[in-house]
Amino acid sequence: MDTKIHSILSREILDSRGNPTIETTVILTSGYRGTASVPSGASVGKYEAVELRDGDEARFGGLGVTKAVANVTGPIKRFALLRHRRCY
């Protein structure tokens, strides 16, 4: 099976509570794909992951994640594709 990354896609979706969250799909050159979404948890302890919210009150009361989507489809994607290609 070819495990080279072909593409990384990301988008803003709504979680089960109606809050925006990010969903990302990684597609391999073999055609296999994996998709994951990352809804925020209810706990707010100091060891929780930091959330990147847009802060635009006009969109979902400031809870949008278009900045996070832009990070995944921009610098994170470029880094992952470049690093992954160096491994082969």
PDB file of N, CA and C in Angstrom:
ATOM      1  N   MET A   1       0.846  -1.180   0.000  1.00  0.00           N
ATOM      2  CA  MET A   1       0.000   0.000   0.000  1.00  0.00           C
ATOM      3  C   MET A   1       0.891   1.244   0.000  1.00  0.00           C
ATOM      4  N   ASP A   2       0.568   2.193  -0.850  1.00  0.00           N
ATOM      5  CA  ASP A   2       1.292   3.450  -0.937  1.00  0.00           C
ATOM      6  C   ASP A   2       0.804   4.377   0.173  1.00  0.00           C
ATOM      7  N   THR A   3       1.708   4.799   1.045  1.00  0.00           N
ATOM      8  CA  THR A   3       1.318   5.624   2.189  1.00  0.00           C
ATOM      9  C   THR A   3       1.727   7.085   2.033  1.00  0.00           C
ATOM     10  N   LYS A   4       2.049   7.516   0.833  1.00  0.00           N
ATOM     11  CA  LYS A   4       2.418   8.914   0.621  1.00  0.00           C
ATOM     12  C   LYS A   4       1.174   9.799   0.699  1.00  0.00           C
ATOM     13  N   ILE A   5       1.326  10.941   1.332  1.00  0.00           N
ATOM     14  CA  ILE A   5       0.213  11.883   1.449  1.00  0.00           C
ATOM     15  C   ILE A   5       0.018  12.595   0.120  1.00  0.00           C
ATOM     16  N   HIS A   6      -1.190  12.538  -0.391  1.00  0.00           N
ATOM     17  CA  HIS A   6      -1.536  13.221  -1.638  1.00  0.00           C
ATOM     18  C   HIS A   6      -2.125  14.597  -1.352  1.00  0.00           C
ATOM     19  N   SER A   7      -2.998  14.678  -0.348  1.00  0.00           N
ATOM     20  CA  SER A   7      -3.694  15.933  -0.091  1.00  0.00           C
ATOM     21  C   SER A   7      -4.180  15.985   1.354  1.00  0.00           C
ATOM     22  N   ILE A   8      -4.333  17.204   1.848  1.00  0.00           N
ATOM     23  CA  ILE A   8      -4.902  17.441   3.170  1.00  0.00           C
ATOM     24  C   ILE A   8      -5.983  18.503   3.008  1.00  0.00           C
ATOM     25  N   LEU A   9      -7.198  18.168   3.411  1.00  0.00           N
ATOM     26  CA  LEU A   9      -8.344  19.074   3.294  1.00  0.00           C
ATOM     27  C   LEU A   9      -8.867  19.378   4.691  1.00  0.00           C
ATOM     28  N   SER A  10      -9.416  20.556   4.879  1.00  0.00           N
ATOM     29  CA  SER A  10      -9.962  20.914   6.180  1.00  0.00           C
ATOM     30  C   SER A  10     -11.141  21.855   5.994  1.00  0.00           C
ATOM     31  N   ARG A  11     -12.079  21.797   6.940  1.00  0.00           N
ATOM     32  CA  ARG A  11     -13.243  22.678   6.857  1.00  0.00           C
ATOM     33  C   ARG A  11     -13.826  22.884   8.248  1.00  0.00           C
ATOM     34  N   GLU A  12     -14.653  23.909   8.353  1.00  0.00           N
ATOM     35  CA  GLU A  12     -15.366  24.206   9.588  1.00  0.00           C
ATOM     36  C   GLU A  12     -16.699  23.467   9.557  1.00  0.00           C
ATOM     37  N   ILE A  13     -16.998  22.727  10.628  1.00  0.00           N
ATOM     38  CA  ILE A  13     -18.277  22.029  10.757  1.00  0.00           C
ATOM     39  C   ILE A  13     -18.868  22.390  12.121  1.00  0.00           C
ATOM     40  N   LEU A  14     -20.080  21.936  12.375  1.00  0.00           N
ATOM     41  CA  LEU A  14     -20.707  22.130  13.682  1.00  0.00           C
ATOM     42  C   LEU A  14     -20.692  20.813  14.442  1.00  0.00           C
ATOM     43  N   ASP A  15     -20.321  20.865  15.722  1.00  0.00           N
ATOM     44  CA  ASP A  15     -20.312  19.650  16.532  1.00  0.00           C
ATOM     45  C   ASP A  15     -21.724  19.337  17.031  1.00  0.00           C
ATOM     46  N   SER A  16     -21.857  18.339  17.873  1.00  0.00           N
ATOM     47  CA  SER A  16     -23.177  17.897  18.335  1.00  0.00           C
ATOM     48  C   SER A  16     -23.890  18.945  19.189  1.00  0.00           C
ATOM     49  N   ARG A  17     -23.156  19.920  19.703  1.00  0.00           N
ATOM     50  CA  ARG A  17     -23.770  20.996  20.489  1.00  0.00           C
ATOM     51  C   ARG A  17     -24.007  22.246  19.654  1.00  0.00           C
ATOM     52  N   GLY A  18     -23.717  22.164  18.359  1.00  0.00           N
ATOM     53  CA  GLY A  18     -23.918  23.306  17.472  1.00  0.00           C
ATOM     54  C   GLY A  18     -22.781  24.305  17.477  1.00  0.00           C
ATOM     55  N   ASN A  19     -21.646  23.920  18.050  1.00  0.00           N
ATOM     56  CA  ASN A  19     -20.476  24.799  18.073  1.00  0.00           C
ATOM     57  C   ASN A  19     -19.550  24.480  16.900  1.00  0.00           C
ATOM     58  N   PRO A  20     -18.940  25.496  16.310  1.00  0.00           N
ATOM     59  CA  PRO A  20     -18.005  25.251  15.220  1.00  0.00           C
ATOM     60  C   PRO A  20     -16.791  24.454  15.701  1.00  0.00           C
ATOM     61  N   THR A  21     -16.328  23.561  14.857  1.00  0.00           N
ATOM     62  CA  THR A  21     -15.104  22.806  15.114  1.00  0.00           C
ATOM     63  C   THR A  21     -14.462  22.505  13.771  1.00  0.00           C
ATOM     64  N   ILE A  22     -13.300  21.930  13.798  1.00  0.00           N
ATOM     65  CA  ILE A  22     -12.563  21.669  12.571  1.00  0.00           C
ATOM     66  C   ILE A  22     -12.649  20.187  12.207  1.00  0.00           C
ATOM     67  N   GLU A  23     -12.764  19.919  10.922  1.00  0.00           N
ATOM     68  CA  GLU A  23     -12.735  18.551  10.398  1.00  0.00           C
ATOM     69  C   GLU A  23     -11.648  18.514   9.334  1.00  0.00           C
ATOM     70  N   THR A  24     -10.768  17.526   9.415  1.00  0.00           N
ATOM     71  CA  THR A  24      -9.655  17.425   8.476  1.00  0.00           C
ATOM     72  C   THR A  24      -9.604  16.028   7.877  1.00  0.00           C
ATOM     73  N   THR A  25      -9.317  15.978   6.582  1.00  0.00           N
ATOM     74  CA  THR A  25      -9.185  14.719   5.853  1.00  0.00           C
ATOM     75  C   THR A  25      -7.791  14.647   5.249  1.00  0.00           C
ATOM     76  N   VAL A  26      -7.130  13.514   5.437  1.00  0.00           N
ATOM     77  CA  VAL A  26      -5.837  13.247   4.806  1.00  0.00           C
ATOM     78  C   VAL A  26      -6.071  12.169   3.757  1.00  0.00           C
ATOM     79  N   ILE A  27      -5.660  12.451   2.518  1.00  0.00           N
ATOM     80  CA  ILE A  27      -5.842  11.515   1.410  1.00  0.00           C
ATOM     81  C   ILE A  27      -4.471  11.028   0.959  1.00  0.00           C
ATOM     82  N   LEU A  28      -4.309   9.716   0.862  1.00  0.00           N
ATOM     83  CA  LEU A  28      -3.058   9.128   0.404  1.00  0.00           C
ATOM     84  C   LEU A  28      -3.087   8.929  -1.104  1.00  0.00           C
ATOM     85  N   THR A  29      -1.916   8.779  -1.705  1.00  0.00           N
ATOM     86  CA  THR A  29      -1.854   8.567  -3.152  1.00  0.00           C
ATOM     87  C   THR A  29      -2.524   7.258  -3.556  1.00  0.00           C
ATOM     88  N   SER A  30      -2.654   6.327  -2.626  1.00  0.00           N
ATOM     89  CA  SER A  30      -3.333   5.060  -2.901  1.00  0.00           C
ATOM     90  C   SER A  30      -4.850   5.224  -2.949  1.00  0.00           C
ATOM     91  N   GLY A  31      -5.353   6.393  -2.531  1.00  0.00           N
ATOM     92  CA  GLY A  31      -6.791   6.625  -2.503  1.00  0.00           C
ATOM     93  C   GLY A  31      -7.399   6.467  -1.122  1.00  0.00           C
ATOM     94  N   TYR A  32      -6.667   5.843  -0.214  1.00  0.00           N
ATOM     95  CA  TYR A  32      -7.171   5.726   1.153  1.00  0.00           C
ATOM     96  C   TYR A  32      -7.251   7.112   1.774  1.00  0.00           C
ATOM     97  N   ARG A  33      -8.239   7.276   2.651  1.00  0.00           N
ATOM     98  CA  ARG A  33      -8.410   8.570   3.306  1.00  0.00           C
ATOM     99  C   ARG A  33      -8.845   8.368   4.742  1.00  0.00           C
ATOM    100  N   GLY A  34      -8.489   9.318   5.560  1.00  0.00           N
ATOM    101  CA  GLY A  34      -8.906   9.325   6.955  1.00  0.00           C
ATOM    102  C   GLY A  34      -9.430  10.702   7.299  1.00  0.00           C
ATOM    103  N   THR A  35     -10.530  10.743   8.027  1.00  0.00           N
ATOM    104  CA  THR A  35     -11.148  12.012   8.398  1.00  0.00           C
ATOM    105  C   THR A  35     -11.362  12.038   9.906  1.00  0.00           C
ATOM    106  N   ALA A  36     -11.074  13.183  10.511  1.00  0.00           N
ATOM    107  CA  ALA A  36     -11.289  13.343  11.951  1.00  0.00           C
ATOM    108  C   ALA A  36     -11.824  14.738  12.223  1.00  0.00           C
ATOM    109  N   SER A  37     -12.697  14.825  13.215  1.00  0.00           N
ATOM    110  CA  SER A  37     -13.161  16.127  13.691  1.00  0.00           C
ATOM    111  C   SER A  37     -12.771  16.240  15.157  1.00  0.00           C
ATOM    112  N   VAL A  38     -12.636  17.466  15.616  1.00  0.00           N
ATOM    113  CA  VAL A  38     -12.114  17.692  16.953  1.00  0.00           C
ATOM    114  C   VAL A  38     -13.018  18.653  17.720  1.00  0.00           C
ATOM    115  N   PRO A  39     -14.145  18.155  18.245  1.00  0.00           N
ATOM    116  CA  PRO A  39     -15.011  19.039  19.027  1.00  0.00           C
ATOM    117  C   PRO A  39     -14.339  19.405  20.346  1.00  0.00           C
ATOM    118  N   SER A  40     -14.661  20.572  20.858  1.00  0.00           N
ATOM    119  CA  SER A  40     -14.073  20.986  22.136  1.00  0.00           C
ATOM    120  C   SER A  40     -14.755  20.239  23.269  1.00  0.00           C
ATOM    121  N   GLY A  41     -14.001  19.995  24.313  1.00  0.00           N
ATOM    122  CA  GLY A  41     -14.543  19.296  25.467  1.00  0.00           C
ATOM    123  C   GLY A  41     -15.240  20.248  26.422  1.00  0.00           C
ATOM    124  N   ALA A  42     -15.903  19.677  27.405  1.00  0.00           N
ATOM    125  CA  ALA A  42     -16.630  20.483  28.382  1.00  0.00           C
ATOM    126  C   ALA A  42     -15.712  20.976  29.497  1.00  0.00           C
ATOM    127  N   SER A  43     -14.611  20.261  29.746  1.00  0.00           N
ATOM    128  CA  SER A  43     -13.714  20.667  30.833  1.00  0.00           C
ATOM    129  C   SER A  43     -12.804  21.807  30.385  1.00  0.00           C
ATOM    130  N   VAL A  44     -12.343  22.578  31.343  1.00  0.00           N
ATOM    131  CA  VAL A  44     -11.510  23.747  31.032  1.00  0.00           C
ATOM    132  C   VAL A  44     -10.274  23.800  31.938  1.00  0.00           C
ATOM    133  N   GLY A  45      -9.710  22.655  32.263  1.00  0.00           N
ATOM    134  CA  GLY A  45      -8.537  22.607  33.136  1.00  0.00           C
ATOM    135  C   GLY A  45      -7.290  23.175  32.478  1.00  0.00           C
ATOM    136  N   LYS A  46      -6.257  23.383  33.283  1.00  0.00           N
ATOM    137  CA  LYS A  46      -5.031  23.983  32.752  1.00  0.00           C
ATOM    138  C   LYS A  46      -4.273  23.036  31.827  1.00  0.00           C
ATOM    139  N   TYR A  47      -4.604  21.752  31.801  1.00  0.00           N
ATOM    140  CA  TYR A  47      -3.929  20.795  30.933  1.00  0.00           C
ATOM    141  C   TYR A  47      -4.696  20.524  29.637  1.00  0.00           C
ATOM    142  N   GLU A  48      -5.775  21.244  29.428  1.00  0.00           N
ATOM    143  CA  GLU A  48      -6.568  21.077  28.202  1.00  0.00           C
ATOM    144  C   GLU A  48      -5.853  21.730  27.023  1.00  0.00           C
ATOM    145  N   ALA A  49      -6.157  21.258  25.823  1.00  0.00           N
ATOM    146  CA  ALA A  49      -5.590  21.848  24.610  1.00  0.00           C
ATOM    147  C   ALA A  49      -6.104  23.279  24.437  1.00  0.00           C
ATOM    148  N   VAL A  50      -5.263  24.124  23.898  1.00  0.00           N
ATOM    149  CA  VAL A  50      -5.649  25.508  23.627  1.00  0.00           C
ATOM    150  C   VAL A  50      -6.459  25.538  22.339  1.00  0.00           C
ATOM    151  N   GLU A  51      -7.576  26.252  22.354  1.00  0.00           N
ATOM    152  CA  GLU A  51      -8.416  26.365  21.159  1.00  0.00           C
ATOM    153  C   GLU A  51      -8.092  27.649  20.416  1.00  0.00           C
ATOM    154  N   LEU A  52      -8.098  27.574  19.098  1.00  0.00           N
ATOM    155  CA  LEU A  52      -7.905  28.767  18.272  1.00  0.00           C
ATOM    156  C   LEU A  52      -9.263  29.155  17.706  1.00  0.00           C
ATOM    157  N   ARG A  53      -9.874  30.168  18.297  1.00  0.00           N
ATOM    158  CA  ARG A  53     -11.178  30.665  17.851  1.00  0.00           C
ATOM    159  C   ARG A  53     -10.976  31.991  17.135  1.00  0.00           C
ATOM    160  N   ASP A  54     -11.865  32.300  16.196  1.00  0.00           N
ATOM    161  CA  ASP A  54     -11.721  33.503  15.377  1.00  0.00           C
ATOM    162  C   ASP A  54     -11.940  34.798  16.145  1.00  0.00           C
ATOM    163  N   GLY A  55     -12.875  34.807  17.075  1.00  0.00           N
ATOM    164  CA  GLY A  55     -13.163  36.015  17.831  1.00  0.00           C
ATOM    165  C   GLY A  55     -14.075  37.004  17.117  1.00  0.00           C
ATOM    166  N   ASP A  56     -14.583  36.643  15.939  1.00  0.00           N
ATOM    167  CA  ASP A  56     -15.499  37.509  15.185  1.00  0.00           C
ATOM    168  C   ASP A  56     -16.912  37.286  15.718  1.00  0.00           C
ATOM    169  N   GLU A  57     -17.399  38.219  16.508  1.00  0.00           N
ATOM    170  CA  GLU A  57     -18.714  38.080  17.144  1.00  0.00           C
ATOM    171  C   GLU A  57     -19.845  37.906  16.135  1.00  0.00           C
ATOM    172  N   ALA A  58     -19.646  38.326  14.896  1.00  0.00           N
ATOM    173  CA  ALA A  58     -20.684  38.199  13.867  1.00  0.00           C
ATOM    174  C   ALA A  58     -20.833  36.754  13.386  1.00  0.00           C
ATOM    175  N   ARG A  59     -19.842  35.914  13.662  1.00  0.00           N
ATOM    176  CA  ARG A  59     -19.897  34.501  13.255  1.00  0.00           C
ATOM    177  C   ARG A  59     -19.872  33.609  14.494  1.00  0.00           C
ATOM    178  N   PHE A  60     -20.963  32.969  14.786  1.00  0.00           N
ATOM    179  CA  PHE A  60     -21.054  32.016  15.893  1.00  0.00           C
ATOM    180  C   PHE A  60     -20.607  32.625  17.221  1.00  0.00           C
ATOM    181  N   GLY A  61     -20.889  33.901  17.416  1.00  0.00           N
ATOM    182  CA  GLY A  61     -20.540  34.550  18.675  1.00  0.00           C
ATOM    183  C   GLY A  61     -19.049  34.541  18.977  1.00  0.00           C
ATOM    184  N   GLY A  62     -18.237  34.573  17.938  1.00  0.00           N
ATOM    185  CA  GLY A  62     -16.785  34.586  18.111  1.00  0.00           C
ATOM    186  C   GLY A  62     -16.149  33.219  18.187  1.00  0.00           C
ATOM    187  N   LEU A  63     -16.957  32.151  18.066  1.00  0.00           N
ATOM    188  CA  LEU A  63     -16.439  30.791  18.223  1.00  0.00           C
ATOM    189  C   LEU A  63     -16.025  30.116  16.915  1.00  0.00           C
ATOM    190  N   GLY A  64     -16.070  30.831  15.791  1.00  0.00           N
ATOM    191  CA  GLY A  64     -15.686  30.241  14.509  1.00  0.00           C
ATOM    192  C   GLY A  64     -14.248  29.743  14.517  1.00  0.00           C
ATOM    193  N   VAL A  65     -13.932  28.853  13.592  1.00  0.00           N
ATOM    194  CA  VAL A  65     -12.585  28.269  13.532  1.00  0.00           C
ATOM    195  C   VAL A  65     -11.950  28.417  12.147  1.00  0.00           C
ATOM    196  N   THR A  66     -12.314  29.462  11.412  1.00  0.00           N
ATOM    197  CA  THR A  66     -11.736  29.628  10.074  1.00  0.00           C
ATOM    198  C   THR A  66     -10.231  29.892  10.134  1.00  0.00           C
ATOM    199  N   LYS A  67      -9.736  30.486  11.213  1.00  0.00           N
ATOM    200  CA  LYS A  67      -8.283  30.671  11.359  1.00  0.00           C
ATOM    201  C   LYS A  67      -7.589  29.321  11.513  1.00  0.00           C
ATOM    202  N   ALA A  68      -8.198  28.423  12.268  1.00  0.00           N
ATOM    203  CA  ALA A  68      -7.627  27.083  12.432  1.00  0.00           C
ATOM    204  C   ALA A  68      -7.646  26.329  11.108  1.00  0.00           C
ATOM    205  N   VAL A  69      -8.741  26.459  10.358  1.00  0.00           N
ATOM    206  CA  VAL A  69      -8.827  25.825   9.033  1.00  0.00           C
ATOM    207  C   VAL A  69      -7.733  26.381   8.128  1.00  0.00           C
ATOM    208  N   ALA A  70      -7.532  27.691   8.152  1.00  0.00           N
ATOM    209  CA  ALA A  70      -6.490  28.314   7.328  1.00  0.00           C
ATOM    210  C   ALA A  70      -5.104  27.822   7.730  1.00  0.00           C
ATOM    211  N   ASN A  71      -4.878  27.577   9.009  1.00  0.00           N
ATOM    212  CA  ASN A  71      -3.589  27.023   9.442  1.00  0.00           C
ATOM    213  C   ASN A  71      -3.367  25.626   8.883  1.00  0.00           C
ATOM    214  N   VAL A  72      -4.411  24.798   8.916  1.00  0.00           N
ATOM    215  CA  VAL A  72      -4.279  23.429   8.408  1.00  0.00           C
ATOM    216  C   VAL A  72      -4.082  23.424   6.898  1.00  0.00           C
ATOM    217  N   THR A  73      -4.869  24.212   6.180  1.00  0.00           N
ATOM    218  CA  THR A  73      -4.786  24.196   4.713  1.00  0.00           C
ATOM    219  C   THR A  73      -3.617  25.022   4.190  1.00  0.00           C
ATOM    220  N   GLY A  74      -2.959  25.768   5.060  1.00  0.00           N
ATOM    221  CA  GLY A  74      -1.811  26.582   4.669  1.00  0.00           C
ATOM    222  C   GLY A  74      -0.515  26.005   5.197  1.00  0.00           C
ATOM    223  N   PRO A  75       0.049  26.597   6.257  1.00  0.00           N
ATOM    224  CA  PRO A  75       1.380  26.195   6.711  1.00  0.00           C
ATOM    225  C   PRO A  75       1.490  24.756   7.213  1.00  0.00           C
ATOM    226  N   ILE A  76       0.481  24.244   7.886  1.00  0.00           N
ATOM    227  CA  ILE A  76       0.558  22.859   8.370  1.00  0.00           C
ATOM    228  C   ILE A  76       0.575  21.892   7.196  1.00  0.00           C
ATOM    229  N   LYS A  77      -0.277  22.127   6.202  1.00  0.00           N
ATOM    230  CA  LYS A  77      -0.316  21.274   5.010  1.00  0.00           C
ATOM    231  C   LYS A  77       1.023  21.319   4.276  1.00  0.00           C
ATOM    232  N   ARG A  78       1.555  22.525   4.062  1.00  0.00           N
ATOM    233  CA  ARG A  78       2.839  22.650   3.358  1.00  0.00           C
ATOM    234  C   ARG A  78       3.943  21.911   4.105  1.00  0.00           C
ATOM    235  N   PHE A  79       3.998  22.083   5.421  1.00  0.00           N
ATOM    236  CA  PHE A  79       5.011  21.416   6.227  1.00  0.00           C
ATOM    237  C   PHE A  79       4.856  19.898   6.159  1.00  0.00           C
ATOM    238  N   ALA A  80       3.631  19.409   6.325  1.00  0.00           N
ATOM    239  CA  ALA A  80       3.390  17.961   6.324  1.00  0.00           C
ATOM    240  C   ALA A  80       3.740  17.341   4.978  1.00  0.00           C
ATOM    241  N   LEU A  81       3.335  17.983   3.887  1.00  0.00           N
ATOM    242  CA  LEU A  81       3.629  17.435   2.562  1.00  0.00           C
ATOM    243  C   LEU A  81       5.125  17.454   2.283  1.00  0.00           C
ATOM    244  N   LEU A  82       5.798  18.532   2.619  1.00  0.00           N
ATOM    245  CA  LEU A  82       7.236  18.632   2.393  1.00  0.00           C
ATOM    246  C   LEU A  82       7.985  17.616   3.238  1.00  0.00           C
ATOM    247  N   ARG A  83       7.661  17.537   4.502  1.00  0.00           N
ATOM    248  CA  ARG A  83       8.338  16.600   5.402  1.00  0.00           C
ATOM    249  C   ARG A  83       8.058  15.155   4.996  1.00  0.00           C
ATOM    250  N   HIS A  84       6.813  14.866   4.633  1.00  0.00           N
ATOM    251  CA  HIS A  84       6.448  13.508   4.251  1.00  0.00           C
ATOM    252  C   HIS A  84       7.183  13.082   2.980  1.00  0.00           C
ATOM    253  N   ARG A  85       7.315  13.981   2.029  1.00  0.00           N
ATOM    254  CA  ARG A  85       7.998  13.644   0.774  1.00  0.00           C
ATOM    255  C   ARG A  85       9.482  13.408   0.983  1.00  0.00           C
ATOM    256  N   ARG A  86      10.081  14.058   1.966  1.00  0.00           N
ATOM    257  CA  ARG A  86      11.500  13.844   2.269  1.00  0.00           C
ATOM    258  C   ARG A  86      11.752  12.443   2.814  1.00  0.00           C
ATOM    259  N   CYS A  87      10.727  11.842   3.407  1.00  0.00           N
ATOM    260  CA  CYS A  87      10.873  10.509   4.002  1.00  0.00           C
ATOM    261  C   CYS A  87      10.899   9.405   2.956  1.00  0.00           C
ATOM    262  N   TYR A  88      10.527   9.718   1.710  1.00  0.00           N
ATOM    263  CA  TYR A  88      10.463   8.686   0.674  1.00  0.00           C
ATOM    264  C   TYR A  88      11.519   8.884  -0.370  1.00  0.00           C
TER     265      TYR A  88
END
